Amino acid sequence: MLETYRNFIAIGYNWEDHNIEEHCQSDKRYTRHERHPAGENQYEYIQCEKAFTYHSHLQKHEGIQTQEKPSEGFQHSEALACHSRLQIHKRTDTGEKPYKCNQCGKAFAQLSYLRVHERTHTGEKPYECNQCGKTFAHHCTLSLHRRTHTGEKPYECNQCGKAFAKNSYLQTHKVIHTGEKPFKCNQCDKAYSQQSHLLIHKRTHTGEKPYKCSQCGKSFVSHSHLQAHERIHTGEKPYKCNQCNKAFSQHPSLQMHKRTHTGEKPYKCNQCDKAFSQNSSLQMHTRTHTGEKPYECHQCGKAFSRHSSLQTHKRHHTGEKPYKCNHCGEVFAYLSSLHYHKRNHTGEKLYECNQCDRAFKEHSHLQRHEKNIHTGEKSYECKKCGKPFVHNSSLLIHKRTHSGEKPYECNQCGIAFACSISFS
């Protein structure tokens, strides 16, 4: 330490505390006294019988005896490096940020930080993964990415034992145990466990979308949303299921898919206890209780509980049929109709009953089969008399006993019937 102070003086740096030697010696004595109160010199150099308290000091002494002393130029450059580090450290107290980005005006305390930041503008990604070829702007990001290949998860929760690849993921996870949400929006009082989530949320008030796609110009509120969007253009699907090898462009999609294997349904309705594998499915389900239909058609005024239902409905007005069968050329207004139609060509039956191994082309047909044959569940109830039914169609027929409606009329004798079976 004394040598470092002397080197500072050699390059013209003036210290307020001129009693440098006394300061260094007292500092050394204090440190050594803490570690070796008895003051024993445990390490001895056999050539000159000089003794040292620390093995590292003995090693340095041996180097002095066996090697040439560093040149004056080397000591001078070392002192300059120390001085530079001191100046950088001082900025943690002063808040000084002398390095400014000439594109966005953001300022930094260190030149290296500015250089890293500049890559957000240039798109430069100099760090490449030697396993999959993916490139990154920062070395630390590459190191984190490598854990997706190795499976390394060094950060473990001390409450439940769950492990994570990033420390930030662990900190986020810990909130599950505490329930703490210290970051509150000053416009709507919504609270978040992380400040980054609050910043993204605030953009819903300001309308700010700082992350723009370089291919189509679409903008996003967060960088992660932009990255997910960019995979639409690249077709990249980095998240693979370890059970069926199905791949996904987004990690949440993989997590939701895994629930098809585990049967996990973590999202429960607090009104009827029905459970769902996705939070979005729960939100849509709650509208069956509230009757909320926030999506309205501006042509006919019809309202829908789902945005997708509104988009589908609009095709009734436009006549649009964007989905074409590549086998026979038939076109469809709905993607689900195309998928169902294609099974006529392939004979595929994706949905298999786990109780009797019967298979179905549509998931709704499987659900109907399970209700009819295995569970006997009757989820459709008449509001007038409370009678339950397995099928909605059966409930509709039953309702005619209350209303007296008989839509099926014989064209020979004029007798009318409530259901088509009776008419036949």
Protein backbone atom coordinates (compact mmCIF):
# COMPACT_ATOMS: atom_id res chain seq x y z
CA MET A 1 0.00 0.00 0.00
CA LEU A 2 2.88 2.39 0.88
CA GLU A 3 4.46 1.73 -2.52
CA THR A 4 1.15 2.59 -4.22
CA TYR A 5 0.96 5.94 -2.39
CA ARG A 6 4.53 6.72 -3.41
CA ASN A 7 3.70 5.92 -7.03
CA PHE A 8 0.79 8.37 -6.87
CA ILE A 9 3.22 11.08 -5.68
CA ALA A 10 5.59 10.13 -8.53
CA ILE A 11 2.91 11.05 -11.10
CA GLY A 12 2.17 14.37 -9.40
CA TYR A 13 -0.83 13.45 -7.21
CA ASN A 14 -0.94 15.50 -3.96
CA TRP A 15 -2.53 13.89 -0.89
CA GLU A 16 -4.20 15.86 1.90
CA ASP A 17 -2.71 13.43 4.41
CA HIS A 18 1.03 14.03 3.96
CA ASN A 19 2.04 11.60 6.70
CA ILE A 20 1.71 8.70 4.28
CA GLU A 21 4.25 6.33 5.80
CA GLU A 22 2.73 6.59 9.28
CA HIS A 23 -0.76 6.05 7.83
CA CYS A 24 0.32 2.95 5.88
CA GLN A 25 2.27 1.45 8.76
CA SER A 26 -0.60 1.94 11.24
CA ASP A 27 -2.99 0.40 8.70
CA LYS A 28 -0.70 -2.61 8.30
CA ARG A 29 -0.29 -2.99 12.06
CA TYR A 30 -4.05 -2.85 12.62
CA THR A 31 -4.78 -5.46 9.96
CA ARG A 32 -2.08 -7.82 11.17
CA HIS A 33 -3.04 -7.37 14.79
CA GLU A 34 -6.58 -8.48 13.97
CA ARG A 35 -5.46 -11.64 12.20
CA HIS A 36 -2.46 -12.53 14.45
CA PRO A 37 -2.83 -10.96 17.87
CA ALA A 38 0.18 -12.80 19.24
CA GLY A 39 2.39 -11.23 16.56
CA GLU A 40 4.05 -14.51 15.60
CA ASN A 41 6.09 -14.67 12.39
CA GLN A 42 5.14 -18.09 11.08
CA TYR A 43 6.95 -18.13 7.68
CA GLU A 44 10.79 -17.95 7.44
CA TYR A 45 12.98 -17.54 4.35
CA ILE A 46 15.80 -20.07 4.65
CA GLN A 47 18.38 -18.09 2.61
CA CYS A 48 18.42 -14.92 4.71
CA GLU A 49 16.49 -16.06 7.84
CA LYS A 50 14.00 -13.20 7.48
CA ALA A 51 10.58 -14.14 8.93
CA PHE A 52 7.05 -13.16 7.82
CA THR A 53 3.56 -13.23 9.30
CA TYR A 54 1.91 -14.22 6.00
CA HIS A 55 2.87 -16.90 3.51
CA SER A 56 2.04 -14.49 0.67
CA HIS A 57 4.62 -12.03 2.05
CA LEU A 58 7.23 -14.80 2.09
CA GLN A 59 6.41 -15.58 -1.55
CA LYS A 60 6.78 -11.89 -2.51
CA HIS A 61 10.12 -11.71 -0.67
CA GLU A 62 11.39 -14.81 -2.50
CA GLY A 63 10.41 -13.15 -5.79
CA ILE A 64 12.40 -10.03 -4.88
CA GLN A 65 15.48 -12.18 -4.16
CA THR A 66 15.22 -14.29 -7.32
CA GLN A 67 13.88 -11.82 -9.92
CA GLU A 68 14.67 -8.41 -11.27
CA LYS A 69 12.78 -5.47 -9.80
CA PRO A 70 10.01 -4.01 -11.96
CA SER A 71 11.10 -1.14 -14.17
CA GLU A 72 10.33 2.43 -13.24
CA GLY A 73 8.00 2.63 -16.26
CA PHE A 74 6.01 -0.37 -15.04
CA GLN A 75 5.59 1.15 -11.56
CA HIS A 76 4.49 4.42 -13.17
CA SER A 77 1.82 2.70 -15.34
CA GLU A 78 0.63 0.68 -12.33
CA ALA A 79 0.20 3.90 -10.36
CA LEU A 80 -1.79 5.43 -13.22
CA ALA A 81 -4.10 2.40 -13.27
CA CYS A 82 -4.64 2.72 -9.51
CA HIS A 83 -5.37 6.42 -9.87
CA SER A 84 -7.92 5.66 -12.61
CA ARG A 85 -9.68 3.13 -10.39
CA LEU A 86 -9.75 5.64 -7.55
CA GLN A 87 -11.36 8.28 -9.79
CA ILE A 88 -14.03 5.78 -10.90
CA HIS A 89 -14.72 4.80 -7.30
CA LYS A 90 -15.15 8.45 -6.27
CA ARG A 91 -18.04 8.74 -8.74
CA THR A 92 -20.09 6.34 -6.61
CA ASP A 93 -20.17 9.14 -4.00
CA THR A 94 -20.49 12.15 -6.31
CA GLY A 95 -22.89 10.60 -8.83
CA GLU A 96 -20.80 12.00 -11.67
CA LYS A 97 -21.48 10.42 -15.10
CA PRO A 98 -19.03 11.96 -17.61
CA TYR A 99 -19.60 9.49 -20.48
CA LYS A 100 -22.66 10.40 -22.55
CA CYS A 101 -24.31 8.48 -25.41
CA ASN A 102 -24.46 10.72 -28.48
CA GLN A 103 -27.61 8.97 -29.74
CA CYS A 104 -29.97 9.02 -26.77
CA GLY A 105 -28.16 11.23 -24.22
CA LYS A 106 -27.97 8.56 -21.50
CA ALA A 107 -24.92 9.08 -19.24
CA PHE A 108 -22.60 6.59 -17.52
CA ALA A 109 -19.94 6.66 -14.80
CA GLN A 110 -17.54 4.44 -16.76
CA LEU A 111 -16.51 4.36 -20.41
CA SER A 112 -16.94 0.56 -20.48
CA TYR A 113 -20.61 0.97 -19.48
CA LEU A 114 -21.13 3.40 -22.35
CA ARG A 115 -19.53 0.97 -24.83
CA VAL A 116 -21.88 -1.82 -23.69
CA HIS A 117 -24.89 0.53 -23.91
CA GLU A 118 -23.98 1.61 -27.46
CA ARG A 119 -24.68 -1.95 -28.64
CA THR A 120 -28.40 -1.36 -27.99
CA HIS A 121 -28.24 1.16 -30.85
CA THR A 122 -25.82 -0.66 -33.20
CA GLY A 123 -27.26 -4.14 -32.63
CA GLU A 124 -23.74 -5.52 -32.22
CA LYS A 125 -23.63 -8.94 -30.52
CA PRO A 126 -19.99 -10.03 -30.23
CA TYR A 127 -20.48 -12.95 -27.83
CA GLU A 128 -21.51 -16.22 -29.50
CA CYS A 129 -22.66 -19.48 -27.90
CA ASN A 130 -20.46 -22.33 -29.14
CA GLN A 131 -23.34 -24.83 -28.81
CA CYS A 132 -26.23 -23.20 -30.67
CA GLY A 133 -24.64 -20.16 -32.36
CA LYS A 134 -26.89 -17.64 -30.61
CA THR A 135 -25.21 -14.25 -30.13
CA PHE A 136 -25.38 -11.73 -27.31
CA ALA A 137 -24.42 -8.12 -26.67
CA HIS A 138 -23.01 -8.84 -23.20
CA HIS A 139 -20.69 -11.58 -21.94
CA CYS A 140 -22.75 -11.99 -18.76
CA THR A 141 -25.86 -12.66 -20.88
CA LEU A 142 -23.96 -15.39 -22.76
CA SER A 143 -22.91 -16.94 -19.43
CA LEU A 144 -26.54 -17.00 -18.29
CA HIS A 145 -27.65 -18.44 -21.65
CA ARG A 146 -25.15 -21.31 -21.36
CA ARG A 147 -27.10 -22.57 -18.36
CA THR A 148 -30.00 -23.40 -20.71
CA HIS A 149 -27.65 -26.02 -22.22
CA THR A 150 -26.00 -27.22 -19.01
CA GLY A 151 -29.13 -27.07 -16.85
CA GLU A 152 -27.11 -25.37 -14.11
CA LYS A 153 -29.24 -23.65 -11.46
CA PRO A 154 -26.90 -22.29 -8.79
CA TYR A 155 -29.42 -20.11 -6.92
CA GLU A 156 -31.58 -22.07 -4.48
CA CYS A 157 -34.52 -20.88 -2.38
CA ASN A 158 -33.85 -21.54 1.31
CA GLN A 159 -37.55 -21.97 2.01
CA CYS A 160 -38.73 -24.49 -0.58
CA GLY A 161 -35.51 -25.67 -2.24
CA LYS A 162 -36.48 -24.56 -5.75
CA ALA A 163 -33.42 -23.67 -7.84
CA PHE A 164 -32.90 -20.99 -10.49
CA ALA A 165 -30.41 -20.14 -13.23
CA LYS A 166 -30.39 -16.42 -12.31
CA ASN A 167 -30.23 -14.66 -8.97
CA SER A 168 -32.91 -12.23 -10.19
CA TYR A 169 -35.26 -15.20 -10.76
CA LEU A 170 -34.63 -16.34 -7.18
CA GLN A 171 -35.38 -12.86 -5.79
CA THR A 172 -38.60 -12.75 -7.82
CA HIS A 173 -39.56 -16.20 -6.58
CA LYS A 174 -39.03 -15.28 -2.91
CA VAL A 175 -41.94 -12.85 -3.14
CA ILE A 176 -44.22 -15.91 -3.45
CA HIS A 177 -43.36 -16.71 0.16
CA THR A 178 -43.56 -13.12 1.47
CA GLY A 179 -46.38 -11.82 -0.76
CA GLU A 180 -44.68 -8.42 -0.63
CA LYS A 181 -45.47 -5.92 -3.43
CA PRO A 182 -43.57 -2.75 -2.52
CA PHE A 183 -43.74 -1.02 -5.93
CA LYS A 184 -47.02 0.87 -6.34
CA CYS A 185 -48.34 2.77 -9.35
CA ASN A 186 -49.14 6.38 -8.41
CA GLN A 187 -51.90 6.55 -11.03
CA CYS A 188 -53.98 3.45 -10.34
CA ASP A 189 -52.51 2.02 -7.07
CA LYS A 190 -51.70 -1.30 -8.72
CA ALA A 191 -48.77 -2.92 -6.89
CA TYR A 192 -45.87 -5.08 -8.10
CA SER A 193 -43.17 -7.22 -6.55
CA GLN A 194 -40.53 -5.84 -8.94
CA GLN A 195 -39.70 -2.31 -9.99
CA SER A 196 -39.16 -3.40 -13.61
CA HIS A 197 -42.76 -4.66 -13.73
CA LEU A 198 -43.98 -1.32 -12.39
CA LEU A 199 -42.04 0.58 -15.08
CA ILE A 200 -43.58 -1.59 -17.81
CA HIS A 201 -47.05 -1.10 -16.28
CA LYS A 202 -46.64 2.70 -16.25
CA ARG A 203 -46.36 2.60 -20.04
CA THR A 204 -50.01 1.50 -20.18
CA HIS A 205 -50.80 4.97 -18.82
CA THR A 206 -48.31 6.91 -20.96
CA GLY A 207 -48.74 4.85 -24.13
CA GLU A 208 -44.94 4.67 -24.47
CA LYS A 209 -43.63 1.75 -26.58
CA PRO A 210 -39.86 2.20 -26.80
CA TYR A 211 -38.98 -1.19 -28.31
CA LYS A 212 -39.48 -1.31 -32.09
CA CYS A 213 -39.23 -4.29 -34.45
CA SER A 214 -36.66 -3.60 -37.17
CA GLN A 215 -38.52 -5.80 -39.66
CA CYS A 216 -42.15 -4.67 -39.46
CA GLY A 217 -42.01 -1.50 -37.33
CA LYS A 218 -44.35 -2.79 -34.60
CA SER A 219 -43.56 -1.32 -31.15
CA PHE A 220 -43.72 -2.86 -27.69
CA VAL A 221 -43.70 -1.75 -24.05
CA SER A 222 -40.94 -4.17 -23.00
CA HIS A 223 -37.83 -5.71 -24.55
CA SER A 224 -39.05 -9.23 -23.72
CA HIS A 225 -42.25 -8.60 -25.71
CA LEU A 226 -40.14 -7.45 -28.67
CA GLN A 227 -37.95 -10.55 -28.45
CA ALA A 228 -41.02 -12.82 -28.39
CA HIS A 229 -42.44 -10.95 -31.40
CA GLU A 230 -39.19 -11.22 -33.40
CA ARG A 231 -39.52 -15.01 -33.32
CA ILE A 232 -42.59 -14.63 -35.57
CA HIS A 233 -40.17 -13.41 -38.26
CA THR A 234 -37.33 -15.85 -37.53
CA GLY A 235 -39.48 -18.90 -36.75
CA GLU A 236 -37.21 -19.66 -33.79
CA LYS A 237 -38.68 -21.95 -31.14
CA PRO A 238 -36.05 -22.27 -28.40
CA TYR A 239 -38.28 -23.74 -25.68
CA LYS A 240 -38.71 -27.50 -26.05
CA CYS A 241 -40.87 -29.88 -24.01
CA ASN A 242 -38.74 -32.64 -22.50
CA GLN A 243 -41.65 -35.09 -22.65
CA CYS A 244 -42.93 -34.83 -26.22
CA ASN A 245 -40.26 -32.58 -27.88
CA LYS A 246 -42.86 -30.02 -28.95
CA ALA A 247 -41.16 -26.63 -29.31
CA PHE A 248 -42.41 -23.13 -28.52
CA SER A 249 -41.32 -19.58 -29.29
CA GLN A 250 -42.13 -18.35 -25.76
CA HIS A 251 -41.29 -19.80 -22.35
CA PRO A 252 -44.81 -19.16 -20.88
CA SER A 253 -46.26 -21.20 -23.77
CA LEU A 254 -44.01 -24.11 -22.82
CA GLN A 255 -45.04 -23.82 -19.15
CA MET A 256 -48.73 -23.89 -20.14
CA HIS A 257 -48.12 -26.84 -22.47
CA LYS A 258 -46.44 -28.85 -19.70
CA ARG A 259 -49.72 -28.74 -17.80
CA THR A 260 -51.27 -30.93 -20.51
CA HIS A 261 -48.87 -33.64 -19.28
CA THR A 262 -49.16 -32.97 -15.54
CA GLY A 263 -52.86 -32.05 -15.47
CA GLU A 264 -52.00 -29.09 -13.20
CA LYS A 265 -54.70 -26.41 -12.97
CA PRO A 266 -53.41 -23.71 -10.62
CA TYR A 267 -56.01 -21.03 -11.40
CA LYS A 268 -59.25 -21.53 -9.45
CA CYS A 269 -62.52 -19.65 -9.75
CA ASN A 270 -63.57 -18.23 -6.35
CA GLN A 271 -67.24 -18.52 -7.26
CA CYS A 272 -67.60 -22.10 -8.48
CA ASP A 273 -64.17 -23.66 -7.70
CA LYS A 274 -63.64 -24.58 -11.34
CA ALA A 275 -59.90 -24.77 -12.08
CA PHE A 276 -57.90 -23.80 -15.16
CA SER A 277 -54.38 -24.34 -16.47
CA GLN A 278 -54.12 -20.73 -17.69
CA ASN A 279 -54.89 -17.44 -15.97
CA SER A 280 -56.41 -16.06 -19.20
CA SER A 281 -58.86 -18.98 -19.24
CA LEU A 282 -59.87 -18.14 -15.67
CA GLN A 283 -60.43 -14.47 -16.60
CA MET A 284 -62.68 -15.48 -19.49
CA HIS A 285 -64.52 -17.96 -17.27
CA THR A 286 -65.29 -15.34 -14.60
CA ARG A 287 -67.26 -13.45 -17.25
CA THR A 288 -69.77 -16.32 -17.28
CA HIS A 289 -70.55 -15.29 -13.67
CA THR A 290 -70.41 -11.52 -14.14
CA GLY A 291 -71.98 -11.45 -17.59
CA GLU A 292 -69.35 -8.95 -18.70
CA LYS A 293 -68.98 -8.59 -22.48
CA PRO A 294 -66.40 -5.87 -23.08
CA TYR A 295 -65.86 -6.49 -26.81
CA GLU A 296 -68.57 -4.94 -29.01
CA CYS A 297 -69.06 -5.12 -32.77
CA HIS A 298 -69.34 -1.58 -34.17
CA GLN A 299 -71.48 -2.80 -37.10
CA CYS A 300 -74.31 -4.62 -35.33
CA GLY A 301 -73.70 -3.82 -31.65
CA LYS A 302 -73.34 -7.47 -30.63
CA ALA A 303 -71.02 -7.85 -27.62
CA PHE A 304 -68.63 -10.67 -26.69
CA SER A 305 -66.77 -11.77 -23.60
CA ARG A 306 -63.62 -12.55 -25.66
CA HIS A 307 -61.73 -10.41 -28.14
CA SER A 308 -61.08 -13.47 -30.33
CA SER A 309 -64.85 -14.10 -30.50
CA LEU A 310 -65.37 -10.54 -31.75
CA GLN A 311 -62.71 -10.98 -34.46
CA THR A 312 -64.34 -14.24 -35.54
CA HIS A 313 -67.80 -12.63 -35.54
CA LYS A 314 -66.64 -9.79 -37.82
CA ARG A 315 -66.18 -12.34 -40.61
CA HIS A 316 -69.98 -12.68 -40.74
CA HIS A 317 -70.03 -9.09 -41.99
CA THR A 318 -66.96 -9.21 -44.24
CA GLY A 319 -67.41 -12.77 -45.58
CA GLU A 320 -63.68 -13.27 -45.12
CA LYS A 321 -62.46 -16.89 -45.22
CA PRO A 322 -58.71 -16.71 -44.66
CA TYR A 323 -58.07 -20.41 -43.96
CA LYS A 324 -57.55 -22.66 -47.01
CA CYS A 325 -57.18 -26.45 -47.11
CA ASN A 326 -54.01 -27.42 -48.98
CA HIS A 327 -55.56 -30.80 -49.89
CA CYS A 328 -58.78 -29.76 -51.66
CA GLY A 329 -58.70 -25.94 -51.72
CA GLU A 330 -61.83 -25.47 -49.57
CA VAL A 331 -61.77 -22.22 -47.57
CA PHE A 332 -62.97 -21.53 -44.04
CA ALA A 333 -63.73 -18.52 -41.88
CA TYR A 334 -62.26 -20.17 -38.77
CA LEU A 335 -58.96 -21.92 -38.16
CA SER A 336 -60.68 -24.51 -35.98
CA SER A 337 -62.98 -25.38 -38.91
CA LEU A 338 -59.97 -25.91 -41.16
CA HIS A 339 -58.26 -28.16 -38.58
CA TYR A 340 -61.43 -30.18 -38.17
CA HIS A 341 -61.87 -30.43 -41.94
CA LYS A 342 -58.28 -31.65 -42.46
CA ARG A 343 -59.02 -34.66 -40.28
CA ASN A 344 -61.44 -35.82 -42.97
CA HIS A 345 -58.38 -36.22 -45.20
CA THR A 346 -56.02 -37.68 -42.59
CA GLY A 347 -58.50 -39.64 -40.42
CA GLU A 348 -56.60 -38.29 -37.41
CA LYS A 349 -58.28 -38.45 -33.99
CA LEU A 350 -56.17 -36.40 -31.60
CA TYR A 351 -58.32 -36.50 -28.50
CA GLU A 352 -58.21 -39.82 -26.65
CA CYS A 353 -60.29 -40.78 -23.65
CA ASN A 354 -58.05 -41.91 -20.78
CA GLN A 355 -60.76 -44.15 -19.38
CA CYS A 356 -61.82 -46.21 -22.38
CA ASP A 357 -59.26 -45.33 -25.11
CA ARG A 358 -61.93 -44.09 -27.49
CA ALA A 359 -60.61 -41.28 -29.72
CA PHE A 360 -62.25 -38.18 -31.18
CA LYS A 361 -61.52 -35.57 -33.83
CA GLU A 362 -62.54 -32.65 -31.60
CA HIS A 363 -61.83 -31.86 -27.96
CA SER A 364 -65.46 -30.85 -27.43
CA HIS A 365 -66.55 -34.32 -28.59
CA LEU A 366 -64.20 -35.91 -26.06
CA GLN A 367 -65.60 -33.70 -23.29
CA ARG A 368 -69.15 -34.61 -24.27
CA HIS A 369 -68.22 -38.31 -24.26
CA GLU A 370 -66.64 -38.07 -20.79
CA LYS A 371 -69.73 -36.32 -19.39
CA ASN A 372 -72.19 -38.76 -20.95
CA ILE A 373 -70.43 -42.06 -20.38
CA HIS A 374 -68.02 -41.69 -17.47
CA THR A 375 -68.90 -38.78 -15.15
CA GLY A 376 -72.63 -38.28 -15.73
CA GLU A 377 -72.05 -34.58 -14.97
CA LYS A 378 -75.03 -32.35 -15.70
CA SER A 379 -73.74 -28.80 -15.97
CA TYR A 380 -76.72 -27.25 -17.82
CA GLU A 381 -79.54 -26.32 -15.44
CA CYS A 382 -83.00 -24.94 -16.17
CA LYS A 383 -83.43 -21.56 -14.43
CA LYS A 384 -87.19 -22.09 -14.08
CA CYS A 385 -87.42 -25.54 -12.52
CA GLY A 386 -83.79 -26.38 -11.69
CA LYS A 387 -83.70 -29.60 -13.75
CA PRO A 388 -80.11 -30.37 -14.86
CA PHE A 389 -78.97 -31.71 -18.24
CA VAL A 390 -75.78 -33.16 -19.71
CA HIS A 391 -76.08 -31.21 -22.98
CA ASN A 392 -77.03 -27.64 -23.70
CA SER A 393 -79.16 -28.88 -26.62
CA SER A 394 -81.20 -31.01 -24.18
CA LEU A 395 -81.74 -27.95 -21.98
CA LEU A 396 -82.97 -25.92 -24.98
CA ILE A 397 -85.53 -28.64 -25.85
CA HIS A 398 -86.64 -28.80 -22.22
CA LYS A 399 -87.19 -25.02 -22.08
CA ARG A 400 -89.90 -25.42 -24.70
CA THR A 401 -92.03 -27.27 -22.13
CA HIS A 402 -92.15 -23.98 -20.24
CA SER A 403 -92.51 -21.67 -23.23
CA GLY A 404 -94.86 -23.92 -25.25
CA GLU A 405 -92.75 -23.40 -28.35
CA LYS A 406 -93.20 -26.11 -31.04
CA PRO A 407 -91.01 -25.25 -34.01
CA TYR A 408 -91.34 -28.56 -35.88
CA GLU A 409 -94.60 -28.75 -37.82
CA CYS A 410 -95.87 -31.57 -40.04
CA ASN A 411 -96.70 -30.22 -43.50
CA GLN A 412 -99.40 -32.88 -44.01
CA CYS A 413 -101.51 -32.68 -40.86
CA GLY A 414 -100.29 -29.46 -39.26
CA ILE A 415 -99.42 -31.01 -35.87
CA ALA A 416 -96.41 -29.25 -34.27
CA PHE A 417 -93.70 -30.67 -31.99
CA ALA A 418 -91.15 -29.29 -29.52
CA CYS A 419 -88.25 -31.43 -30.77
CA SER A 420 -87.24 -32.93 -34.12
CA ILE A 421 -87.20 -36.52 -32.78
CA SER A 422 -90.91 -36.40 -31.91
CA PHE A 423 -91.59 -34.90 -35.33
CA SER A 424 -89.75 -37.77 -37.05
